[in-house]
Amino acid sequence: MNYEQRISKTDLARGTHRVIREAQRGYTVLVENHGQPEVAIVDIIDFQLQRAAIHYFSSTKEYERDLEISESMLEDLTDDQQRF
């Protein structure tokens, strides 16, 4: 199953609600201008996971391999992005 949709800027303007709903269902929606993708709309969870992965793999820090994450550790974090 293909989880990517391509739409024009005009279609986005006409169907913003539908596009957001599709992104929330797991689809990546590529918004195109003259056939070239300009932006991607993704679900917020996917976005936060992507940012966390980029941060992890681009950081020079050494991470503990066997670190166990507890609920109390998560409660100390201020927002969803830090939790991811």
Protein backbone atom coordinates (compact mmCIF):
# COMPACT_ATOMS: atom_id res chain seq x y z
CA MET A 1 0.00 0.00 0.00
CA ASN A 2 1.34 3.43 -0.95
CA TYR A 3 1.31 5.86 1.96
CA GLU A 4 2.18 8.91 -0.10
CA GLN A 5 -0.16 11.30 -1.86
CA ARG A 6 0.71 14.14 -4.19
CA ILE A 7 -1.47 17.19 -4.51
CA SER A 8 -1.18 20.68 -5.95
CA LYS A 9 -1.19 23.88 -3.93
CA THR A 10 -4.67 24.56 -5.33
CA ASP A 11 -5.94 21.19 -4.08
CA LEU A 12 -4.45 21.94 -0.66
CA ALA A 13 -6.27 25.28 -0.54
CA ARG A 14 -9.55 23.67 -1.56
CA GLY A 15 -9.32 20.64 0.72
CA THR A 16 -7.15 21.55 3.69
CA HIS A 17 -9.33 19.65 6.15
CA ARG A 18 -9.19 16.48 4.03
CA VAL A 19 -5.42 16.74 3.60
CA ILE A 20 -4.86 17.12 7.34
CA ARG A 21 -7.13 14.16 8.03
CA GLU A 22 -5.16 12.03 5.55
CA ALA A 23 -1.87 13.00 7.22
CA GLN A 24 -3.32 12.06 10.60
CA ARG A 25 -4.15 8.63 9.15
CA GLY A 26 -0.49 8.02 8.32
CA TYR A 27 -0.23 9.33 4.78
CA THR A 28 2.57 11.65 3.72
CA VAL A 29 1.04 14.37 1.56
CA LEU A 30 3.46 16.03 -0.85
CA VAL A 31 2.35 19.47 -1.98
CA GLU A 32 3.59 20.21 -5.48
CA ASN A 33 4.06 23.33 -7.54
CA HIS A 34 4.30 22.70 -11.29
CA GLY A 35 4.93 19.00 -10.63
CA GLN A 36 7.80 19.58 -8.19
CA PRO A 37 7.35 18.74 -4.50
CA GLU A 38 7.72 21.78 -2.22
CA VAL A 39 6.55 20.61 1.21
CA ALA A 40 5.45 17.42 2.92
CA ILE A 41 2.60 17.21 5.41
CA VAL A 42 2.97 14.38 7.93
CA ASP A 43 1.32 13.32 11.18
CA ILE A 44 2.77 15.03 14.26
CA ILE A 45 3.98 11.72 15.73
CA ASP A 46 5.90 10.93 12.53
CA PHE A 47 7.37 14.43 12.56
CA GLN A 48 8.52 14.13 16.17
CA LEU A 49 10.01 10.69 15.58
CA GLN A 50 11.90 11.96 12.53
CA ARG A 51 13.30 14.90 14.49
CA ALA A 52 14.33 12.61 17.35
CA ALA A 53 16.12 10.26 14.94
CA ILE A 54 17.90 13.14 13.21
CA HIS A 55 18.99 14.53 16.56
CA TYR A 56 20.19 11.12 17.75
CA PHE A 57 22.20 10.29 14.64
CA SER A 58 23.66 13.78 14.19
CA SER A 59 24.72 14.21 17.81
CA THR A 60 28.31 13.55 18.84
CA LYS A 61 27.21 12.46 22.30
CA GLU A 62 27.77 8.92 23.46
CA TYR A 63 24.46 7.37 24.43
CA GLU A 64 24.20 4.54 26.91
CA ARG A 65 23.23 1.42 25.00
CA ASP A 66 21.35 -0.32 27.80
CA LEU A 67 19.62 2.69 29.27
CA GLU A 68 16.17 1.87 30.61
CA ILE A 69 13.69 4.72 30.41
CA SER A 70 11.35 5.02 33.37
CA GLU A 71 8.07 6.89 33.70
CA SER A 72 9.69 9.29 36.17
CA MET A 73 12.32 10.21 33.57
CA LEU A 74 9.59 11.00 31.03
CA GLU A 75 7.61 13.10 33.53
CA ASP A 76 10.60 15.43 33.93
CA LEU A 77 10.63 16.29 30.21
CA THR A 78 8.75 19.46 29.30
CA ASP A 79 7.16 18.63 25.93
CA ASP A 80 6.35 15.84 23.50
CA GLN A 81 9.41 16.46 21.32
CA GLN A 82 11.76 15.87 24.25
CA ARG A 83 9.87 12.71 25.19
CA PHE A 84 10.40 11.29 21.70
